[in-house]
C-alpha atoms as a PDB file:
ATOM      1  CA  UNK A   1       0.000   0.001   0.000  1.00  0.00           C
ATOM      2  CA  UNK A   2       1.375   3.476  -0.835  1.00  0.00           C
ATOM      3  CA  UNK A   3       2.522   5.481   2.165  1.00  0.00           C
ATOM      4  CA  UNK A   4       0.394   8.405   1.040  1.00  0.00           C
ATOM      5  CA  UNK A   5      -3.028   7.924  -0.497  1.00  0.00           C
ATOM      6  CA  UNK A   6      -4.292  11.453   0.095  1.00  0.00           C
ATOM      7  CA  UNK A   7      -2.309  14.645  -0.476  1.00  0.00           C
ATOM      8  CA  UNK A   8      -3.476  17.588   1.629  1.00  0.00           C
ATOM      9  CA  UNK A   9      -2.762  21.278   1.171  1.00  0.00           C
ATOM     10  CA  UNK A  10       0.289  21.965   3.359  1.00  0.00           C
ATOM     11  CA  UNK A  11      -0.439  25.713   3.701  1.00  0.00           C
ATOM     12  CA  UNK A  12      -1.614  26.256   7.257  1.00  0.00           C
ATOM     13  CA  UNK A  13      -3.916  29.181   6.549  1.00  0.00           C
ATOM     14  CA  UNK A  14      -4.603  29.867   2.863  1.00  0.00           C
ATOM     15  CA  UNK A  15      -6.088  33.290   2.192  1.00  0.00           C
ATOM     16  CA  UNK A  16      -6.969  35.372  -0.840  1.00  0.00           C
ATOM     17  CA  UNK A  17      -4.473  38.042   0.160  1.00  0.00           C
ATOM     18  CA  UNK A  18      -1.658  35.501   0.369  1.00  0.00           C
ATOM     19  CA  UNK A  19      -2.609  33.908  -2.963  1.00  0.00           C
ATOM     20  CA  UNK A  20      -2.676  37.263  -4.725  1.00  0.00           C
ATOM     21  CA  UNK A  21       0.982  37.737  -3.814  1.00  0.00           C
ATOM     22  CA  UNK A  22       1.941  34.486  -5.564  1.00  0.00           C
ATOM     23  CA  UNK A  23      -0.124  34.422  -8.768  1.00  0.00           C
ATOM     24  CA  UNK A  24       0.346  36.525 -11.911  1.00  0.00           C
ATOM     25  CA  UNK A  25      -1.205  40.004 -11.614  1.00  0.00           C
ATOM     26  CA  UNK A  26      -3.793  39.159 -14.258  1.00  0.00           C
ATOM     27  CA  UNK A  27      -5.328  36.532 -11.959  1.00  0.00           C
ATOM     28  CA  UNK A  28      -6.531  39.079  -9.379  1.00  0.00           C
ATOM     29  CA  UNK A  29      -9.290  40.760 -11.489  1.00  0.00           C
ATOM     30  CA  UNK A  30     -10.394  37.261 -12.482  1.00  0.00           C
ATOM     31  CA  UNK A  31     -10.711  36.292  -8.818  1.00  0.00           C
ATOM     32  CA  UNK A  32     -12.834  39.420  -8.305  1.00  0.00           C
ATOM     33  CA  UNK A  33     -15.147  38.313 -11.136  1.00  0.00           C
ATOM     34  CA  UNK A  34     -15.652  34.846  -9.652  1.00  0.00           C
ATOM     35  CA  UNK A  35     -16.402  36.336  -6.222  1.00  0.00           C
ATOM     36  CA  UNK A  36     -18.820  38.928  -7.626  1.00  0.00           C
ATOM     37  CA  UNK A  37     -20.648  36.328  -9.718  1.00  0.00           C
ATOM     38  CA  UNK A  38     -20.869  33.537  -7.138  1.00  0.00           C
ATOM     39  CA  UNK A  39     -24.280  31.905  -7.451  1.00  0.00           C
ATOM     40  CA  UNK A  40     -25.047  33.427 -10.854  1.00  0.00           C
ATOM     41  CA  UNK A  41     -26.158  31.370 -13.852  1.00  0.00           C
ATOM     42  CA  UNK A  42     -24.401  32.020 -17.163  1.00  0.00           C
ATOM     43  CA  UNK A  43     -25.536  30.716 -20.571  1.00  0.00           C
ATOM     44  CA  UNK A  44     -22.100  29.559 -21.696  1.00  0.00           C
ATOM     45  CA  UNK A  45     -18.569  29.345 -20.421  1.00  0.00           C
ATOM     46  CA  UNK A  46     -17.165  32.891 -20.182  1.00  0.00           C
ATOM     47  CA  UNK A  47     -14.852  32.555 -23.186  1.00  0.00           C
ATOM     48  CA  UNK A  48     -17.840  31.566 -25.358  1.00  0.00           C
ATOM     49  CA  UNK A  49     -20.183  34.322 -24.147  1.00  0.00           C
ATOM     50  CA  UNK A  50     -21.242  36.970 -26.625  1.00  0.00           C
ATOM     51  CA  UNK A  51     -20.450  39.692 -24.110  1.00  0.00           C
ATOM     52  CA  UNK A  52     -17.303  38.347 -22.552  1.00  0.00           C
ATOM     53  CA  UNK A  53     -16.337  39.528 -19.060  1.00  0.00           C
ATOM     54  CA  UNK A  54     -13.939  42.471 -19.143  1.00  0.00           C
ATOM     55  CA  UNK A  55     -11.017  40.709 -17.499  1.00  0.00           C
ATOM     56  CA  UNK A  56      -7.386  41.023 -18.658  1.00  0.00           C
ATOM     57  CA  UNK A  57      -7.286  37.344 -19.634  1.00  0.00           C
ATOM     58  CA  UNK A  58     -10.042  34.806 -20.425  1.00  0.00           C
ATOM     59  CA  UNK A  59     -11.743  33.125 -17.464  1.00  0.00           C
ATOM     60  CA  UNK A  60     -12.057  29.690 -19.044  1.00  0.00           C
ATOM     61  CA  UNK A  61     -11.126  27.391 -21.885  1.00  0.00           C
ATOM     62  CA  UNK A  62     -12.758  24.301 -23.367  1.00  0.00           C
ATOM     63  CA  UNK A  63     -10.421  22.095 -21.325  1.00  0.00           C
ATOM     64  CA  UNK A  64     -11.897  21.360 -17.914  1.00  0.00           C
ATOM     65  CA  UNK A  65      -8.842  22.710 -16.108  1.00  0.00           C
ATOM     66  CA  UNK A  66      -7.812  26.098 -17.500  1.00  0.00           C
ATOM     67  CA  UNK A  67      -4.174  27.091 -17.153  1.00  0.00           C
ATOM     68  CA  UNK A  68      -3.343  30.450 -18.775  1.00  0.00           C
ATOM     69  CA  UNK A  69      -0.348  30.158 -21.064  1.00  0.00           C
ATOM     70  CA  UNK A  70       2.963  31.989 -20.846  1.00  0.00           C
ATOM     71  CA  UNK A  71       1.863  34.200 -23.744  1.00  0.00           C
ATOM     72  CA  UNK A  72      -0.966  35.553 -21.556  1.00  0.00           C
ATOM     73  CA  UNK A  73       0.670  35.858 -18.156  1.00  0.00           C
ATOM     74  CA  UNK A  74       4.128  35.884 -16.631  1.00  0.00           C
ATOM     75  CA  UNK A  75       4.752  33.090 -14.132  1.00  0.00           C
ATOM     76  CA  UNK A  76       7.512  32.987 -11.549  1.00  0.00           C
ATOM     77  CA  UNK A  77       9.731  30.351 -13.125  1.00  0.00           C
ATOM     78  CA  UNK A  78       8.045  27.242 -14.507  1.00  0.00           C
ATOM     79  CA  UNK A  79       5.430  26.910 -11.751  1.00  0.00           C
ATOM     80  CA  UNK A  80       2.058  27.437 -13.417  1.00  0.00           C
ATOM     81  CA  UNK A  81      -1.338  27.644 -11.731  1.00  0.00           C
ATOM     82  CA  UNK A  82      -4.846  26.766 -12.845  1.00  0.00           C
ATOM     83  CA  UNK A  83      -7.180  29.750 -12.970  1.00  0.00           C
ATOM     84  CA  UNK A  84     -10.486  27.906 -13.238  1.00  0.00           C
ATOM     85  CA  UNK A  85     -12.154  24.530 -13.625  1.00  0.00           C
ATOM     86  CA  UNK A  86     -15.527  23.606 -15.061  1.00  0.00           C
ATOM     87  CA  UNK A  87     -17.470  20.376 -15.056  1.00  0.00           C
ATOM     88  CA  UNK A  88     -19.711  19.045 -17.788  1.00  0.00           C
ATOM     89  CA  UNK A  89     -22.255  16.382 -16.881  1.00  0.00           C
ATOM     90  CA  UNK A  90     -22.149  15.118 -20.461  1.00  0.00           C
ATOM     91  CA  UNK A  91     -18.361  14.888 -20.555  1.00  0.00           C
ATOM     92  CA  UNK A  92     -16.091  11.895 -20.101  1.00  0.00           C
ATOM     93  CA  UNK A  93     -14.982  12.879 -16.609  1.00  0.00           C
ATOM     94  CA  UNK A  94     -17.042  11.842 -13.614  1.00  0.00           C
ATOM     95  CA  UNK A  95     -17.058  15.116 -11.677  1.00  0.00           C
ATOM     96  CA  UNK A  96     -19.370  15.142  -8.676  1.00  0.00           C
ATOM     97  CA  UNK A  97     -22.032  17.565  -7.495  1.00  0.00           C
ATOM     98  CA  UNK A  98     -21.136  19.791  -4.535  1.00  0.00           C
ATOM     99  CA  UNK A  99     -21.826  18.547  -1.007  1.00  0.00           C
ATOM    100  CA  UNK A 100     -23.040  21.368   1.282  1.00  0.00           C
ATOM    101  CA  UNK A 101     -21.396  21.841   4.679  1.00  0.00           C
ATOM    102  CA  UNK A 102     -23.059  23.237   7.793  1.00  0.00           C
ATOM    103  CA  UNK A 103     -21.116  26.513   7.655  1.00  0.00           C
ATOM    104  CA  UNK A 104     -22.584  27.451   4.262  1.00  0.00           C
ATOM    105  CA  UNK A 105     -19.573  26.315   2.229  1.00  0.00           C
ATOM    106  CA  UNK A 106     -19.365  23.241  -0.009  1.00  0.00           C
ATOM    107  CA  UNK A 107     -16.926  20.582  -1.140  1.00  0.00           C
ATOM    108  CA  UNK A 108     -16.773  19.248  -4.683  1.00  0.00           C
ATOM    109  CA  UNK A 109     -14.848  16.264  -6.019  1.00  0.00           C
ATOM    110  CA  UNK A 110     -13.267  17.080  -9.368  1.00  0.00           C
ATOM    111  CA  UNK A 111     -11.772  14.344 -11.538  1.00  0.00           C
ATOM    112  CA  UNK A 112      -8.130  14.614 -12.560  1.00  0.00           C
ATOM    113  CA  UNK A 113      -7.504  14.669 -16.295  1.00  0.00           C
ATOM    114  CA  UNK A 114      -6.514  11.369 -17.896  1.00  0.00           C
ATOM    115  CA  UNK A 115      -5.234  10.048 -21.212  1.00  0.00           C
ATOM    116  CA  UNK A 116      -3.809  12.543 -23.689  1.00  0.00           C
ATOM    117  CA  UNK A 117      -4.918  15.439 -21.458  1.00  0.00           C
ATOM    118  CA  UNK A 118      -2.218  14.494 -18.933  1.00  0.00           C
ATOM    119  CA  UNK A 119       0.447  15.655 -21.387  1.00  0.00           C
ATOM    120  CA  UNK A 120      -0.914  19.204 -21.110  1.00  0.00           C
ATOM    121  CA  UNK A 121       0.157  19.349 -17.436  1.00  0.00           C
ATOM    122  CA  UNK A 122      -3.331  20.436 -16.328  1.00  0.00           C
ATOM    123  CA  UNK A 123      -3.192  18.142 -13.288  1.00  0.00           C
ATOM    124  CA  UNK A 124       0.234  19.464 -12.357  1.00  0.00           C
ATOM    125  CA  UNK A 125      -1.052  23.058 -12.412  1.00  0.00           C
ATOM    126  CA  UNK A 126      -4.002  22.115 -10.182  1.00  0.00           C
ATOM    127  CA  UNK A 127      -1.629  20.256  -7.854  1.00  0.00           C
ATOM    128  CA  UNK A 128       0.477  23.423  -7.691  1.00  0.00           C
ATOM    129  CA  UNK A 129      -2.658  25.223  -6.506  1.00  0.00           C
ATOM    130  CA  UNK A 130      -3.084  22.568  -3.813  1.00  0.00           C
ATOM    131  CA  UNK A 131       0.541  22.791  -2.692  1.00  0.00           C
ATOM    132  CA  UNK A 132       0.652  26.601  -2.601  1.00  0.00           C
ATOM    133  CA  UNK A 133      -2.842  27.435  -1.325  1.00  0.00           C
ATOM    134  CA  UNK A 134      -4.042  29.023  -4.578  1.00  0.00           C
ATOM    135  CA  UNK A 135      -7.808  29.179  -5.290  1.00  0.00           C
ATOM    136  CA  UNK A 136      -9.483  28.345  -8.592  1.00  0.00           C
ATOM    137  CA  UNK A 137     -12.745  29.544 -10.104  1.00  0.00           C
ATOM    138  CA  UNK A 138     -15.402  26.827 -10.279  1.00  0.00           C
ATOM    139  CA  UNK A 139     -18.278  26.522 -12.777  1.00  0.00           C
ATOM    140  CA  UNK A 140     -20.632  23.532 -12.987  1.00  0.00           C
ATOM    141  CA  UNK A 141     -22.835  22.502 -15.884  1.00  0.00           C
ATOM    142  CA  UNK A 142     -26.567  22.731 -15.142  1.00  0.00           C
ATOM    143  CA  UNK A 143     -29.102  20.151 -16.328  1.00  0.00           C
ATOM    144  CA  UNK A 144     -31.311  22.866 -17.779  1.00  0.00           C
ATOM    145  CA  UNK A 145     -28.367  24.243 -19.730  1.00  0.00           C
ATOM    146  CA  UNK A 146     -25.685  26.809 -19.099  1.00  0.00           C
ATOM    147  CA  UNK A 147     -23.380  26.918 -16.094  1.00  0.00           C
ATOM    148  CA  UNK A 148     -23.593  27.958 -12.463  1.00  0.00           C
ATOM    149  CA  UNK A 149     -20.707  30.044 -11.150  1.00  0.00           C
ATOM    150  CA  UNK A 150     -19.821  28.423  -7.837  1.00  0.00           C
ATOM    151  CA  UNK A 151     -17.153  31.011  -7.029  1.00  0.00           C
ATOM    152  CA  UNK A 152     -13.565  30.489  -5.941  1.00  0.00           C
ATOM    153  CA  UNK A 153     -12.416  27.360  -4.130  1.00  0.00           C
ATOM    154  CA  UNK A 154      -9.241  26.170  -2.457  1.00  0.00           C
ATOM    155  CA  UNK A 155      -7.889  22.803  -3.613  1.00  0.00           C
ATOM    156  CA  UNK A 156      -7.711  21.094  -0.231  1.00  0.00           C
ATOM    157  CA  UNK A 157      -6.735  17.530  -1.138  1.00  0.00           C
ATOM    158  CA  UNK A 158      -6.057  15.001  -3.874  1.00  0.00           C
ATOM    159  CA  UNK A 159      -7.060  11.338  -3.575  1.00  0.00           C
ATOM    160  CA  UNK A 160      -4.534   9.241  -5.530  1.00  0.00           C
ATOM    161  CA  UNK A 161      -6.828   6.185  -5.422  1.00  0.00           C
ATOM    162  CA  UNK A 162      -9.994   7.727  -6.854  1.00  0.00           C
ATOM    163  CA  UNK A 163      -7.998  10.394  -8.742  1.00  0.00           C
ATOM    164  CA  UNK A 164     -10.183  13.155  -7.373  1.00  0.00           C
ATOM    165  CA  UNK A 165      -9.270  16.680  -6.320  1.00  0.00           C
ATOM    166  CA  UNK A 166     -11.494  18.013  -3.544  1.00  0.00           C
ATOM    167  CA  UNK A 167     -12.332  21.707  -3.860  1.00  0.00           C
ATOM    168  CA  UNK A 168     -13.687  23.756  -0.937  1.00  0.00           C
ATOM    169  CA  UNK A 169     -15.537  26.985  -1.555  1.00  0.00           C
ATOM    170  CA  UNK A 170     -16.832  29.548  -2.048  1.00  0.00           C
ATOM    171  CA  UNK A 171     -13.772  31.538  -1.063  1.00  0.00           C
ATOM    172  CA  UNK A 172     -14.417  35.211  -0.431  1.00  0.00           C
ATOM    173  CA  UNK A 173     -13.472  37.844   2.121  1.00  0.00           C
ATOM    174  CA  UNK A 174     -16.792  37.091   3.833  1.00  0.00           C
ATOM    175  CA  UNK A 175     -16.292  33.333   4.137  1.00  0.00           C
ATOM    176  CA  UNK A 176     -12.683  33.883   5.223  1.00  0.00           C
ATOM    177  CA  UNK A 177     -13.885  36.247   7.967  1.00  0.00           C
ATOM    178  CA  UNK A 178     -16.287  33.535   9.176  1.00  0.00           C
ATOM    179  CA  UNK A 179     -13.340  31.163   9.574  1.00  0.00           C
ATOM    180  CA  UNK A 180     -14.440  28.745   6.859  1.00  0.00           C
ATOM    181  CA  UNK A 181     -10.825  27.955   5.906  1.00  0.00           C
ATOM    182  CA  UNK A 182      -8.969  28.262   9.206  1.00  0.00           C
ATOM    183  CA  UNK A 183      -6.606  25.399  10.067  1.00  0.00           C
ATOM    184  CA  UNK A 184      -7.765  22.711  12.448  1.00  0.00           C
ATOM    185  CA  UNK A 185      -7.431  23.791  16.058  1.00  0.00           C
ATOM    186  CA  UNK A 186      -6.670  27.414  15.181  1.00  0.00           C
ATOM    187  CA  UNK A 187      -9.160  28.790  17.732  1.00  0.00           C
ATOM    188  CA  UNK A 188      -7.391  26.924  20.539  1.00  0.00           C
ATOM    189  CA  UNK A 189      -4.033  28.569  19.851  1.00  0.00           C
ATOM    190  CA  UNK A 190      -2.657  31.413  21.914  1.00  0.00           C
ATOM    191  CA  UNK A 191      -2.729  34.878  20.273  1.00  0.00           C
ATOM    192  CA  UNK A 192       1.033  34.637  19.694  1.00  0.00           C
ATOM    193  CA  UNK A 193       0.699  31.250  17.988  1.00  0.00           C
ATOM    194  CA  UNK A 194      -2.211  32.474  15.870  1.00  0.00           C
ATOM    195  CA  UNK A 195      -0.082  35.387  14.682  1.00  0.00           C
ATOM    196  CA  UNK A 196       2.659  32.978  13.610  1.00  0.00           C
ATOM    197  CA  UNK A 197       0.175  30.920  11.565  1.00  0.00           C
ATOM    198  CA  UNK A 198      -1.474  33.980   9.982  1.00  0.00           C
ATOM    199  CA  UNK A 199       1.778  35.675   9.037  1.00  0.00           C
ATOM    200  CA  UNK A 200       3.569  32.558   7.779  1.00  0.00           C
ATOM    201  CA  UNK A 201       4.287  33.043   4.069  1.00  0.00           C
ATOM    202  CA  UNK A 202       6.471  30.032   3.315  1.00  0.00           C
ATOM    203  CA  UNK A 203       9.727  31.973   2.961  1.00  0.00           C
ATOM    204  CA  UNK A 204      10.823  32.447   6.579  1.00  0.00           C
ATOM    205  CA  UNK A 205      12.315  29.087   7.584  1.00  0.00           C
ATOM    206  CA  UNK A 206      12.139  29.847  11.324  1.00  0.00           C
ATOM    207  CA  UNK A 207       8.483  30.814  11.070  1.00  0.00           C
ATOM    208  CA  UNK A 208       7.740  27.757   8.910  1.00  0.00           C
ATOM    209  CA  UNK A 209       9.245  25.402  11.499  1.00  0.00           C
ATOM    210  CA  UNK A 210       7.306  27.127  14.284  1.00  0.00           C
ATOM    211  CA  UNK A 211       4.042  26.942  12.345  1.00  0.00           C
ATOM    212  CA  UNK A 212       4.552  23.236  11.624  1.00  0.00           C
ATOM    213  CA  UNK A 213       5.281  22.665  15.312  1.00  0.00           C
ATOM    214  CA  UNK A 214       1.997  24.378  16.200  1.00  0.00           C
ATOM    215  CA  UNK A 215       0.188  22.000  13.833  1.00  0.00           C
ATOM    216  CA  UNK A 216       1.894  18.947  15.394  1.00  0.00           C
ATOM    217  CA  UNK A 217       1.011  20.122  18.896  1.00  0.00           C
ATOM    218  CA  UNK A 218      -2.645  20.541  17.952  1.00  0.00           C
ATOM    219  CA  UNK A 219      -2.767  17.116  16.298  1.00  0.00           C
ATOM    220  CA  UNK A 220      -1.147  15.574  19.374  1.00  0.00           C
ATOM    221  CA  UNK A 221      -3.766  17.197  21.633  1.00  0.00           C
ATOM    222  CA  UNK A 222      -6.573  15.972  19.369  1.00  0.00           C
ATOM    223  CA  UNK A 223      -5.170  12.426  19.463  1.00  0.00           C
ATOM    224  CA  UNK A 224      -4.920  12.522  23.263  1.00  0.00           C
ATOM    225  CA  UNK A 225      -8.599  13.466  23.495  1.00  0.00           C
ATOM    226  CA  UNK A 226      -9.575  10.611  21.187  1.00  0.00           C
ATOM    227  CA  UNK A 227      -7.393   8.079  23.034  1.00  0.00           C
ATOM    228  CA  UNK A 228      -9.217   8.965  26.222  1.00  0.00           C
ATOM    229  CA  UNK A 229     -12.664   8.964  24.598  1.00  0.00           C
ATOM    230  CA  UNK A 230     -12.177   5.557  22.929  1.00  0.00           C
ATOM    231  CA  UNK A 231     -10.359   3.922  25.849  1.00  0.00           C
ATOM    232  CA  UNK A 232      -7.205   3.562  23.736  1.00  0.00           C
ATOM    233  CA  UNK A 233      -8.745   1.123  21.231  1.00  0.00           C
ATOM    234  CA  UNK A 234      -9.400   1.448  17.498  1.00  0.00           C
ATOM    235  CA  UNK A 235     -13.029   2.340  16.765  1.00  0.00           C
ATOM    236  CA  UNK A 236     -13.193  -0.246  13.957  1.00  0.00           C
ATOM    237  CA  UNK A 237     -10.754  -3.080  14.726  1.00  0.00           C
ATOM    238  CA  UNK A 238     -10.541  -2.811  18.511  1.00  0.00           C
ATOM    239  CA  UNK A 239      -6.731  -2.791  18.320  1.00  0.00           C
ATOM    240  CA  UNK A 240      -5.371  -1.494  21.638  1.00  0.00           C
ATOM    241  CA  UNK A 241      -1.723  -0.982  20.686  1.00  0.00           C
ATOM    242  CA  UNK A 242      -1.531   2.783  21.154  1.00  0.00           C
ATOM    243  CA  UNK A 243       1.576   3.237  19.007  1.00  0.00           C
ATOM    244  CA  UNK A 244      -0.421   2.347  15.863  1.00  0.00           C
ATOM    245  CA  UNK A 245      -3.524   4.382  16.740  1.00  0.00           C
ATOM    246  CA  UNK A 246      -4.093   7.713  15.013  1.00  0.00           C
ATOM    247  CA  UNK A 247      -6.589  10.566  15.183  1.00  0.00           C
ATOM    248  CA  UNK A 248      -8.710  10.643  12.031  1.00  0.00           C
ATOM    249  CA  UNK A 249     -10.873  13.624  11.159  1.00  0.00           C
ATOM    250  CA  UNK A 250     -14.355  12.659   9.960  1.00  0.00           C
ATOM    251  CA  UNK A 251     -14.659  15.922   8.063  1.00  0.00           C
ATOM    252  CA  UNK A 252     -11.085  16.988   7.219  1.00  0.00           C
ATOM    253  CA  UNK A 253     -12.071  20.186   5.412  1.00  0.00           C
ATOM    254  CA  UNK A 254     -11.091  23.374   7.074  1.00  0.00           C
ATOM    255  CA  UNK A 255     -13.425  25.381   9.232  1.00  0.00           C
ATOM    256  CA  UNK A 256     -13.896  26.380  12.842  1.00  0.00           C
ATOM    257  CA  UNK A 257     -14.401  23.670  15.474  1.00  0.00           C
ATOM    258  CA  UNK A 258     -13.021  20.906  13.271  1.00  0.00           C
ATOM    259  CA  UNK A 259     -10.734  19.689  16.062  1.00  0.00           C
ATOM    260  CA  UNK A 260     -13.548  18.613  18.409  1.00  0.00           C
ATOM    261  CA  UNK A 261     -13.803  14.984  19.559  1.00  0.00           C
ATOM    262  CA  UNK A 262     -17.164  14.580  17.776  1.00  0.00           C
ATOM    263  CA  UNK A 263     -15.293  15.202  14.489  1.00  0.00           C
ATOM    264  CA  UNK A 264     -12.815  12.412  15.129  1.00  0.00           C
ATOM    265  CA  UNK A 265     -12.354   8.658  15.107  1.00  0.00           C
ATOM    266  CA  UNK A 266      -9.507   6.766  16.750  1.00  0.00           C
ATOM    267  CA  UNK A 267      -8.273   4.414  14.019  1.00  0.00           C
ATOM    268  CA  UNK A 268      -5.429   1.991  13.421  1.00  0.00           C
ATOM    269  CA  UNK A 269      -2.909   3.586  11.048  1.00  0.00           C
ATOM    270  CA  UNK A 270      -3.823   1.497   7.991  1.00  0.00           C
ATOM    271  CA  UNK A 271      -7.556   1.989   8.551  1.00  0.00           C
ATOM    272  CA  UNK A 272      -6.918   5.729   8.892  1.00  0.00           C
ATOM    273  CA  UNK A 273      -5.299   5.743   5.442  1.00  0.00           C
ATOM    274  CA  UNK A 274      -8.246   3.884   3.933  1.00  0.00           C
ATOM    275  CA  UNK A 275     -10.756   6.145   5.677  1.00  0.00           C
ATOM    276  CA  UNK A 276      -9.069   9.304   4.415  1.00  0.00           C
ATOM    277  CA  UNK A 277      -8.969   7.834   0.888  1.00  0.00           C
ATOM    278  CA  UNK A 278     -12.735   7.123   1.010  1.00  0.00           C
ATOM    279  CA  UNK A 279     -12.206   3.376   0.696  1.00  0.00           C
ATOM    280  CA  UNK A 280     -13.870   2.888   4.089  1.00  0.00           C
ATOM    281  CA  UNK A 281     -16.720   4.864   5.595  1.00  0.00           C
ATOM    282  CA  UNK A 282     -19.345   4.665   8.341  1.00  0.00           C
ATOM    283  CA  UNK A 283     -23.101   4.931   7.833  1.00  0.00           C
ATOM    284  CA  UNK A 284     -24.506   7.964   9.651  1.00  0.00           C
ATOM    285  CA  UNK A 285     -27.709   6.208  10.763  1.00  0.00           C
ATOM    286  CA  UNK A 286     -26.468   2.903  12.230  1.00  0.00           C
ATOM    287  CA  UNK A 287     -22.698   3.573  12.459  1.00  0.00           C
ATOM    288  CA  UNK A 288     -21.880   0.449  10.458  1.00  0.00           C
ATOM    289  CA  UNK A 289     -18.620   0.170   8.508  1.00  0.00           C
ATOM    290  CA  UNK A 290     -18.924   0.028   4.707  1.00  0.00           C
ATOM    291  CA  UNK A 291     -16.168  -0.747   2.212  1.00  0.00           C
ATOM    292  CA  UNK A 292     -15.419   0.149  -1.373  1.00  0.00           C
ATOM    293  CA  UNK A 293     -15.528  -2.697  -3.885  1.00  0.00           C
ATOM    294  CA  UNK A 294     -11.779  -2.179  -4.233  1.00  0.00           C
ATOM    295  CA  UNK A 295     -11.419  -3.844  -0.822  1.00  0.00           C
ATOM    296  CA  UNK A 296     -13.951  -6.655  -1.313  1.00  0.00           C
ATOM    297  CA  UNK A 297     -11.321  -9.341  -1.954  1.00  0.00           C
ATOM    298  CA  UNK A 298      -8.774  -8.121   0.580  1.00  0.00           C
ATOM    299  CA  UNK A 299      -8.179  -8.844   4.253  1.00  0.00           C
ATOM    300  CA  UNK A 300     -10.217  -5.726   5.054  1.00  0.00           C
ATOM    301  CA  UNK A 301     -13.458  -7.354   3.842  1.00  0.00           C
ATOM    302  CA  UNK A 302     -13.950  -8.730   7.355  1.00  0.00           C
ATOM    303  CA  UNK A 303     -14.737  -5.223   8.570  1.00  0.00           C
ATOM    304  CA  UNK A 304     -17.773  -4.925   6.281  1.00  0.00           C
ATOM    305  CA  UNK A 305     -20.900  -4.168   8.382  1.00  0.00           C
ATOM    306  CA  UNK A 306     -18.924  -4.109  11.643  1.00  0.00           C
ATOM    307  CA  UNK A 307     -20.590  -1.763  14.121  1.00  0.00           C
ATOM    308  CA  UNK A 308     -18.396   1.173  15.094  1.00  0.00           C
ATOM    309  CA  UNK A 309     -17.076   1.087  18.661  1.00  0.00           C
ATOM    310  CA  UNK A 310     -18.117   4.321  20.355  1.00  0.00           C
ATOM    311  CA  UNK A 311     -16.983   6.322  23.382  1.00  0.00           C
ATOM    312  CA  UNK A 312     -18.503   5.379  26.737  1.00  0.00           C
ATOM    313  CA  UNK A 313     -19.550   9.021  27.075  1.00  0.00           C
ATOM    314  CA  UNK A 314     -22.374   9.550  24.523  1.00  0.00           C
ATOM    315  CA  UNK A 315     -21.610  13.271  24.315  1.00  0.00           C
ATOM    316  CA  UNK A 316     -18.283  12.359  22.667  1.00  0.00           C
ATOM    317  CA  UNK A 317     -19.780  10.066  20.037  1.00  0.00           C
ATOM    318  CA  UNK A 318     -19.079  10.944  16.405  1.00  0.00           C
ATOM    319  CA  UNK A 319     -21.437  13.496  14.914  1.00  0.00           C
ATOM    320  CA  UNK A 320     -24.045  11.949  12.594  1.00  0.00           C
ATOM    321  CA  UNK A 321     -24.031  15.142  10.537  1.00  0.00           C
ATOM    322  CA  UNK A 322     -20.268  14.917   9.977  1.00  0.00           C
ATOM    323  CA  UNK A 323     -20.433  11.161   9.315  1.00  0.00           C
ATOM    324  CA  UNK A 324     -23.057  11.834   6.631  1.00  0.00           C
ATOM    325  CA  UNK A 325     -20.684  14.191   4.802  1.00  0.00           C
ATOM    326  CA  UNK A 326     -17.910  11.589   4.691  1.00  0.00           C
ATOM    327  CA  UNK A 327     -20.359   8.823   3.772  1.00  0.00           C
ATOM    328  CA  UNK A 328     -21.871  10.851   0.930  1.00  0.00           C
ATOM    329  CA  UNK A 329     -18.422  11.602  -0.493  1.00  0.00           C
ATOM    330  CA  UNK A 330     -17.492   7.919  -0.122  1.00  0.00           C
ATOM    331  CA  UNK A 331     -20.727   6.904  -1.865  1.00  0.00           C
ATOM    332  CA  UNK A 332     -20.092   9.235  -4.788  1.00  0.00           C
ATOM    333  CA  UNK A 333     -16.474   8.224  -5.255  1.00  0.00           C
ATOM    334  CA  UNK A 334     -16.942   4.469  -5.028  1.00  0.00           C
ATOM    335  CA  UNK A 335     -19.228   1.645  -5.971  1.00  0.00           C
ATOM    336  CA  UNK A 336     -20.611   0.429  -2.682  1.00  0.00           C
ATOM    337  CA  UNK A 337     -19.922  -3.053  -1.344  1.00  0.00           C
ATOM    338  CA  UNK A 338     -22.786  -3.309   1.113  1.00  0.00           C
ATOM    339  CA  UNK A 339     -24.318  -6.543   2.322  1.00  0.00           C
END
C-alpha cells in the first residue's frame, strides 16, 4: 500500500491576500469576477459568451482545467497555476455535485484529467494550486443548460486512489472572515501562535518550522482526546496498541471547530489511510462500517458491516451530521460493497 493515499494542502492558513501575492497580476481581477458572480447562472462558459467579461485574460477554456499560457501571463519560473475549472455532466470525466457543509460552504470532487490530457500538465497546475494554497474559479454545468458560477475554491486535497481533487468553496473575504478555511485547532491557539500561523508566508524558515510545530502540537492534543474517549482502542478493529492508533478527522475540510472529539475517530494507522482515501466509511444512521468494492477481496473485507465502537460518554460520540458528509463523499467516489 502506498505510504500516502491522500495529499493535503500543506499551507496552514490559505487566504486570498496571500494567494494574490503568488499568482500573476492578471489573476486578481479574475478572482474578483468569480467572487462577484458567485451563485449566478451564465448561458455559456465565459470565453464563449457573446459579451465576454472584461477581465485582462479569459476566465475559461474548453479544457476542464484552464491554465493560462505563458503568452498571456508571466509566471515565476516554470510553476504554473490553474485559474479555473468547469465540469460538464455530459463529458467523459465523472465530476461530482457539490456537497453542502453546515457553515454554508461546499466541497466538490473534481476528476483529474486522464489520457492525452495528462500531457498538457493540467493536473500538475491544479496540484500546484493545492501545494501553494491558490484558489481556482469553479463553474458547474446545469441540467437545464448553461453553467452555475460556484465562485472560488481552495484545492484542499487530492485522492490518488480515486484520482479526485477536492475543492472547498466559495472563497471570499466574507467566508474567510467567518473562519471557513482556518486550520484545524486554530481557535485553541494562543494569540502569539495564531499570529505565527497567519503571518507565515512560506519563505521564513524559522516561522515555517514554528508553524509546523503548532500543527503537530494541535494534532497531538486531538489524538490525546480521542485516546481517552475511545479507551485507547481502534473504533473499527478494537486494536489497543496505542503506538499504531491515530486521530482521524471525519470531516477533514477546514473550518472552525473541526478539532472537536465529535469530528474524530480513533483508528489503526492502515484503517486511517483507507478512511481518508474514502475506501472505508461509516453509515450515519447505524454507524456500520462500509467498504469500497476495491477492498472486497482483501483482508479488510472482514470489517464490512462491523458496528463502530463508540466512546462510553455519549456526548463524545461521532457526529451523525459529519459522518453523513464523509459517507456521501465515499458513496459518490466508489461503488458500494454493502451486504
